Amino acid sequence: MFNQSKAIVLHSIKYGETSLIVNCFLYDLGVKSFMIKGVLNSKNKKFSKSYFLPLSIIYITYSIK
């Protein structure tokens, strides 16, 4: 099941060559960590690392396992 929420980015850490682990504050769940795969790939045109700078407000779609 996918959920959507507004989030504030608190911190991001590089993971591997192309991924980021991003700590976000979600208004409905509190602080959660997410892995964003392929964001640092040079071929990726959808996402930029600048979306995940601290204190950025983003809208995310996520799934909790």
PDB file of N, CA and C in Angstrom:
ATOM      1  N   MET A   1       0.840  -1.174   0.000  1.00  0.00           N
ATOM      2  CA  MET A   1       0.000   0.000   0.000  1.00  0.00           C
ATOM      3  C   MET A   1       0.888   1.241   0.000  1.00  0.00           C
ATOM      4  N   PHE A   2       0.594   2.168  -0.889  1.00  0.00           N
ATOM      5  CA  PHE A   2       1.369   3.388  -0.995  1.00  0.00           C
ATOM      6  C   PHE A   2       0.655   4.523  -0.269  1.00  0.00           C
ATOM      7  N   ASN A   3       1.449   5.346   0.400  1.00  0.00           N
ATOM      8  CA  ASN A   3       0.942   6.513   1.109  1.00  0.00           C
ATOM      9  C   ASN A   3       1.623   7.750   0.549  1.00  0.00           C
ATOM     10  N   GLN A   4       0.951   8.889   0.639  1.00  0.00           N
ATOM     11  CA  GLN A   4       1.535  10.153   0.230  1.00  0.00           C
ATOM     12  C   GLN A   4       1.560  11.086   1.420  1.00  0.00           C
ATOM     13  N   SER A   5       2.625  11.890   1.492  1.00  0.00           N
ATOM     14  CA  SER A   5       2.745  12.803   2.615  1.00  0.00           C
ATOM     15  C   SER A   5       3.673  13.954   2.252  1.00  0.00           C
ATOM     16  N   LYS A   6       3.515  15.032   2.978  1.00  0.00           N
ATOM     17  CA  LYS A   6       4.423  16.163   2.886  1.00  0.00           C
ATOM     18  C   LYS A   6       5.528  15.926   3.911  1.00  0.00           C
ATOM     19  N   ALA A   7       6.787  16.195   3.537  1.00  0.00           N
ATOM     20  CA  ALA A   7       7.905  15.898   4.431  1.00  0.00           C
ATOM     21  C   ALA A   7       8.940  17.012   4.382  1.00  0.00           C
ATOM     22  N   ILE A   8       9.687  17.131   5.470  1.00  0.00           N
ATOM     23  CA  ILE A   8      10.822  18.046   5.549  1.00  0.00           C
ATOM     24  C   ILE A   8      12.079  17.196   5.648  1.00  0.00           C
ATOM     25  N   VAL A   9      13.036  17.434   4.760  1.00  0.00           N
ATOM     26  CA  VAL A   9      14.292  16.677   4.769  1.00  0.00           C
ATOM     27  C   VAL A   9      15.152  17.183   5.919  1.00  0.00           C
ATOM     28  N   LEU A  10      15.610  16.260   6.758  1.00  0.00           N
ATOM     29  CA  LEU A  10      16.466  16.612   7.883  1.00  0.00           C
ATOM     30  C   LEU A  10      17.939  16.376   7.577  1.00  0.00           C
ATOM     31  N   HIS A  11      18.242  15.257   6.901  1.00  0.00           N
ATOM     32  CA  HIS A  11      19.636  14.881   6.666  1.00  0.00           C
ATOM     33  C   HIS A  11      19.684  13.860   5.539  1.00  0.00           C
ATOM     34  N   SER A  12      20.742  13.889   4.748  1.00  0.00           N
ATOM     35  CA  SER A  12      20.913  12.856   3.720  1.00  0.00           C
ATOM     36  C   SER A  12      22.347  12.348   3.742  1.00  0.00           C
ATOM     37  N   ILE A  13      22.501  11.051   3.504  1.00  0.00           N
ATOM     38  CA  ILE A  13      23.795  10.377   3.540  1.00  0.00           C
ATOM     39  C   ILE A  13      23.951   9.595   2.244  1.00  0.00           C
ATOM     40  N   LYS A  14      25.122   9.700   1.615  1.00  0.00           N
ATOM     41  CA  LYS A  14      25.391   8.927   0.406  1.00  0.00           C
ATOM     42  C   LYS A  14      25.524   7.458   0.786  1.00  0.00           C
ATOM     43  N   TYR A  15      24.891   6.587  -0.007  1.00  0.00           N
ATOM     44  CA  TYR A  15      24.935   5.147   0.235  1.00  0.00           C
ATOM     45  C   TYR A  15      25.293   4.473  -1.082  1.00  0.00           C
ATOM     46  N   GLY A  16      26.459   3.882  -1.136  1.00  0.00           N
ATOM     47  CA  GLY A  16      26.914   3.263  -2.377  1.00  0.00           C
ATOM     48  C   GLY A  16      27.277   4.322  -3.397  1.00  0.00           C
ATOM     49  N   GLU A  17      27.194   3.955  -4.674  1.00  0.00           N
ATOM     50  CA  GLU A  17      27.580   4.884  -5.731  1.00  0.00           C
ATOM     51  C   GLU A  17      26.428   5.752  -6.223  1.00  0.00           C
ATOM     52  N   THR A  18      25.201   5.256  -6.124  1.00  0.00           N
ATOM     53  CA  THR A  18      24.092   5.991  -6.743  1.00  0.00           C
ATOM     54  C   THR A  18      22.905   6.246  -5.823  1.00  0.00           C
ATOM     55  N   SER A  19      22.985   5.893  -4.552  1.00  0.00           N
ATOM     56  CA  SER A  19      21.815   5.992  -3.672  1.00  0.00           C
ATOM     57  C   SER A  19      22.046   6.966  -2.526  1.00  0.00           C
ATOM     58  N   LEU A  20      20.947   7.394  -1.925  1.00  0.00           N
ATOM     59  CA  LEU A  20      20.972   8.241  -0.733  1.00  0.00           C
ATOM     60  C   LEU A  20      20.068   7.635   0.331  1.00  0.00           C
ATOM     61  N   ILE A  21      20.460   7.792   1.586  1.00  0.00           N
ATOM     62  CA  ILE A  21      19.567   7.518   2.708  1.00  0.00           C
ATOM     63  C   ILE A  21      19.160   8.881   3.247  1.00  0.00           C
ATOM     64  N   VAL A  22      17.861   9.138   3.259  1.00  0.00           N
ATOM     65  CA  VAL A  22      17.343  10.454   3.609  1.00  0.00           C
ATOM     66  C   VAL A  22      16.493  10.342   4.864  1.00  0.00           C
ATOM     67  N   ASN A  23      16.807  11.151   5.878  1.00  0.00           N
ATOM     68  CA  ASN A  23      15.990  11.241   7.089  1.00  0.00           C
ATOM     69  C   ASN A  23      15.009  12.389   6.884  1.00  0.00           C
ATOM     70  N   CYS A  24      13.728  12.091   7.052  1.00  0.00           N
ATOM     71  CA  CYS A  24      12.675  13.083   6.832  1.00  0.00           C
ATOM     72  C   CYS A  24      11.759  13.153   8.042  1.00  0.00           C
ATOM     73  N   PHE A  25      11.179  14.321   8.235  1.00  0.00           N
ATOM     74  CA  PHE A  25      10.100  14.474   9.205  1.00  0.00           C
ATOM     75  C   PHE A  25       8.802  14.498   8.428  1.00  0.00           C
ATOM     76  N   LEU A  26       7.964  13.483   8.638  1.00  0.00           N
ATOM     77  CA  LEU A  26       6.654  13.407   8.001  1.00  0.00           C
ATOM     78  C   LEU A  26       5.619  13.930   8.986  1.00  0.00           C
ATOM     79  N   TYR A  27       4.682  14.698   8.496  1.00  0.00           N
ATOM     80  CA  TYR A  27       3.691  15.313   9.370  1.00  0.00           C
ATOM     81  C   TYR A  27       2.799  14.289  10.059  1.00  0.00           C
ATOM     82  N   ASP A  28       2.584  13.137   9.430  1.00  0.00           N
ATOM     83  CA  ASP A  28       1.700  12.148  10.043  1.00  0.00           C
ATOM     84  C   ASP A  28       2.432  11.034  10.785  1.00  0.00           C
ATOM     85  N   LEU A  29       3.724  10.773  10.497  1.00  0.00           N
ATOM     86  CA  LEU A  29       4.445   9.663  11.127  1.00  0.00           C
ATOM     87  C   LEU A  29       5.637  10.077  11.979  1.00  0.00           C
ATOM     88  N   GLY A  30       6.059  11.310  11.898  1.00  0.00           N
ATOM     89  CA  GLY A  30       7.251  11.731  12.628  1.00  0.00           C
ATOM     90  C   GLY A  30       8.498  11.518  11.784  1.00  0.00           C
ATOM     91  N   VAL A  31       9.619  11.210  12.424  1.00  0.00           N
ATOM     92  CA  VAL A  31      10.902  11.064  11.730  1.00  0.00           C
ATOM     93  C   VAL A  31      11.038   9.650  11.171  1.00  0.00           C
ATOM     94  N   LYS A  32      11.320   9.552   9.879  1.00  0.00           N
ATOM     95  CA  LYS A  32      11.517   8.269   9.196  1.00  0.00           C
ATOM     96  C   LYS A  32      12.704   8.392   8.253  1.00  0.00           C
ATOM     97  N   SER A  33      13.342   7.263   7.962  1.00  0.00           N
ATOM     98  CA  SER A  33      14.445   7.204   7.005  1.00  0.00           C
ATOM     99  C   SER A  33      13.987   6.477   5.751  1.00  0.00           C
ATOM    100  N   PHE A  34      14.450   6.959   4.601  1.00  0.00           N
ATOM    101  CA  PHE A  34      14.093   6.370   3.315  1.00  0.00           C
ATOM    102  C   PHE A  34      15.345   6.198   2.472  1.00  0.00           C
ATOM    103  N   MET A  35      15.367   5.139   1.662  1.00  0.00           N
ATOM    104  CA  MET A  35      16.447   4.943   0.707  1.00  0.00           C
ATOM    105  C   MET A  35      15.941   5.371  -0.664  1.00  0.00           C
ATOM    106  N   ILE A  36      16.670   6.281  -1.291  1.00  0.00           N
ATOM    107  CA  ILE A  36      16.343   6.762  -2.628  1.00  0.00           C
ATOM    108  C   ILE A  36      17.391   6.173  -3.568  1.00  0.00           C
ATOM    109  N   LYS A  37      16.994   5.195  -4.378  1.00  0.00           N
ATOM    110  CA  LYS A  37      17.940   4.502  -5.251  1.00  0.00           C
ATOM    111  C   LYS A  37      18.083   5.233  -6.584  1.00  0.00           C
ATOM    112  N   GLY A  38      19.324   5.326  -7.067  1.00  0.00           N
ATOM    113  CA  GLY A  38      19.608   5.864  -8.391  1.00  0.00           C
ATOM    114  C   GLY A  38      19.603   7.367  -8.507  1.00  0.00           C
ATOM    115  N   VAL A  39      19.499   8.088  -7.412  1.00  0.00           N
ATOM    116  CA  VAL A  39      19.418   9.550  -7.490  1.00  0.00           C
ATOM    117  C   VAL A  39      20.757  10.172  -7.902  1.00  0.00           C
ATOM    118  N   LEU A  40      21.866   9.523  -7.621  1.00  0.00           N
ATOM    119  CA  LEU A  40      23.179  10.064  -7.964  1.00  0.00           C
ATOM    120  C   LEU A  40      23.683   9.562  -9.313  1.00  0.00           C
ATOM    121  N   ASN A  41      22.871   8.807 -10.032  1.00  0.00           N
ATOM    122  CA  ASN A  41      23.238   8.289 -11.342  1.00  0.00           C
ATOM    123  C   ASN A  41      23.255   9.438 -12.349  1.00  0.00           C
ATOM    124  N   SER A  42      24.309   9.539 -13.150  1.00  0.00           N
ATOM    125  CA  SER A  42      24.422  10.646 -14.102  1.00  0.00           C
ATOM    126  C   SER A  42      23.374  10.568 -15.208  1.00  0.00           C
ATOM    127  N   LYS A  43      22.797   9.386 -15.452  1.00  0.00           N
ATOM    128  CA  LYS A  43      21.782   9.223 -16.495  1.00  0.00           C
ATOM    129  C   LYS A  43      20.389   9.596 -16.004  1.00  0.00           C
ATOM    130  N   ASN A  44      20.221   9.789 -14.709  1.00  0.00           N
ATOM    131  CA  ASN A  44      18.910  10.079 -14.133  1.00  0.00           C
ATOM    132  C   ASN A  44      18.553  11.546 -14.373  1.00  0.00           C
ATOM    133  N   LYS A  45      17.473  11.788 -15.080  1.00  0.00           N
ATOM    134  CA  LYS A  45      17.028  13.150 -15.370  1.00  0.00           C
ATOM    135  C   LYS A  45      15.842  13.572 -14.498  1.00  0.00           C
ATOM    136  N   LYS A  46      15.179  12.615 -13.803  1.00  0.00           N
ATOM    137  CA  LYS A  46      13.999  12.930 -13.001  1.00  0.00           C
ATOM    138  C   LYS A  46      14.357  13.622 -11.692  1.00  0.00           C
ATOM    139  N   PHE A  47      15.365  13.090 -11.005  1.00  0.00           N
ATOM    140  CA  PHE A  47      15.686  13.565  -9.669  1.00  0.00           C
ATOM    141  C   PHE A  47      17.059  14.216  -9.646  1.00  0.00           C
ATOM    142  N   SER A  48      17.225  15.132  -8.760  1.00  0.00           N
ATOM    143  CA  SER A  48      18.513  15.758  -8.522  1.00  0.00           C
ATOM    144  C   SER A  48      18.816  15.651  -7.033  1.00  0.00           C
ATOM    145  N   LYS A  49      20.082  15.614  -6.702  1.00  0.00           N
ATOM    146  CA  LYS A  49      20.472  15.557  -5.293  1.00  0.00           C
ATOM    147  C   LYS A  49      19.988  16.811  -4.556  1.00  0.00           C
ATOM    148  N   SER A  50      19.805  17.911  -5.279  1.00  0.00           N
ATOM    149  CA  SER A  50      19.390  19.164  -4.647  1.00  0.00           C
ATOM    150  C   SER A  50      17.981  19.098  -4.058  1.00  0.00           C
ATOM    151  N   TYR A  51      17.152  18.142  -4.490  1.00  0.00           N
ATOM    152  CA  TYR A  51      15.836  17.970  -3.880  1.00  0.00           C
ATOM    153  C   TYR A  51      15.940  17.509  -2.431  1.00  0.00           C
ATOM    154  N   PHE A  52      17.045  16.894  -2.064  1.00  0.00           N
ATOM    155  CA  PHE A  52      17.187  16.269  -0.757  1.00  0.00           C
ATOM    156  C   PHE A  52      18.170  17.015   0.142  1.00  0.00           C
ATOM    157  N   LEU A  53      18.307  18.316  -0.037  1.00  0.00           N
ATOM    158  CA  LEU A  53      19.108  19.139   0.859  1.00  0.00           C
ATOM    159  C   LEU A  53      18.327  19.370   2.148  1.00  0.00           C
ATOM    160  N   PRO A  54      19.040  19.579   3.271  1.00  0.00           N
ATOM    161  CA  PRO A  54      18.343  19.791   4.549  1.00  0.00           C
ATOM    162  C   PRO A  54      17.360  20.966   4.491  1.00  0.00           C
ATOM    163  N   LEU A  55      16.235  20.790   5.154  1.00  0.00           N
ATOM    164  CA  LEU A  55      15.133  21.743   5.281  1.00  0.00           C
ATOM    165  C   LEU A  55      14.348  21.952   3.988  1.00  0.00           C
ATOM    166  N   SER A  56      14.525  21.068   3.011  1.00  0.00           N
ATOM    167  CA  SER A  56      13.694  21.108   1.808  1.00  0.00           C
ATOM    168  C   SER A  56      12.338  20.489   2.127  1.00  0.00           C
ATOM    169  N   ILE A  57      11.286  21.085   1.609  1.00  0.00           N
ATOM    170  CA  ILE A  57       9.945  20.531   1.778  1.00  0.00           C
ATOM    171  C   ILE A  57       9.604  19.779   0.499  1.00  0.00           C
ATOM    172  N   ILE A  58       9.277  18.494   0.651  1.00  0.00           N
ATOM    173  CA  ILE A  58       8.999  17.645  -0.504  1.00  0.00           C
ATOM    174  C   ILE A  58       7.694  16.886  -0.284  1.00  0.00           C
ATOM    175  N   TYR A  59       7.090  16.459  -1.361  1.00  0.00           N
ATOM    176  CA  TYR A  59       5.939  15.565  -1.311  1.00  0.00           C
ATOM    177  C   TYR A  59       6.433  14.192  -1.726  1.00  0.00           C
ATOM    178  N   ILE A  60       6.183  13.176  -0.905  1.00  0.00           N
ATOM    179  CA  ILE A  60       6.702  11.845  -1.197  1.00  0.00           C
ATOM    180  C   ILE A  60       5.575  10.819  -1.233  1.00  0.00           C
ATOM    181  N   THR A  61       5.811   9.788  -2.008  1.00  0.00           N
ATOM    182  CA  THR A  61       4.965   8.599  -2.033  1.00  0.00           C
ATOM    183  C   THR A  61       5.827   7.465  -1.523  1.00  0.00           C
ATOM    184  N   TYR A  62       5.384   6.777  -0.487  1.00  0.00           N
ATOM    185  CA  TYR A  62       6.222   5.770   0.153  1.00  0.00           C
ATOM    186  C   TYR A  62       5.405   4.538   0.497  1.00  0.00           C
ATOM    187  N   SER A  63       6.139   3.473   0.754  1.00  0.00           N
ATOM    188  CA  SER A  63       5.544   2.213   1.184  1.00  0.00           C
ATOM    189  C   SER A  63       6.310   1.726   2.401  1.00  0.00           C
ATOM    190  N   ILE A  64       5.614   1.360   3.456  1.00  0.00           N
ATOM    191  CA  ILE A  64       6.256   0.849   4.669  1.00  0.00           C
ATOM    192  C   ILE A  64       6.147  -0.662   4.667  1.00  0.00           C
ATOM    193  N   LYS A  65       7.291  -1.332   4.814  1.00  0.00           N
ATOM    194  CA  LYS A  65       7.312  -2.801   4.824  1.00  0.00           C
ATOM    195  C   LYS A  65       7.344  -3.317   6.234  1.00  0.00           C
TER     196      LYS A  65
END
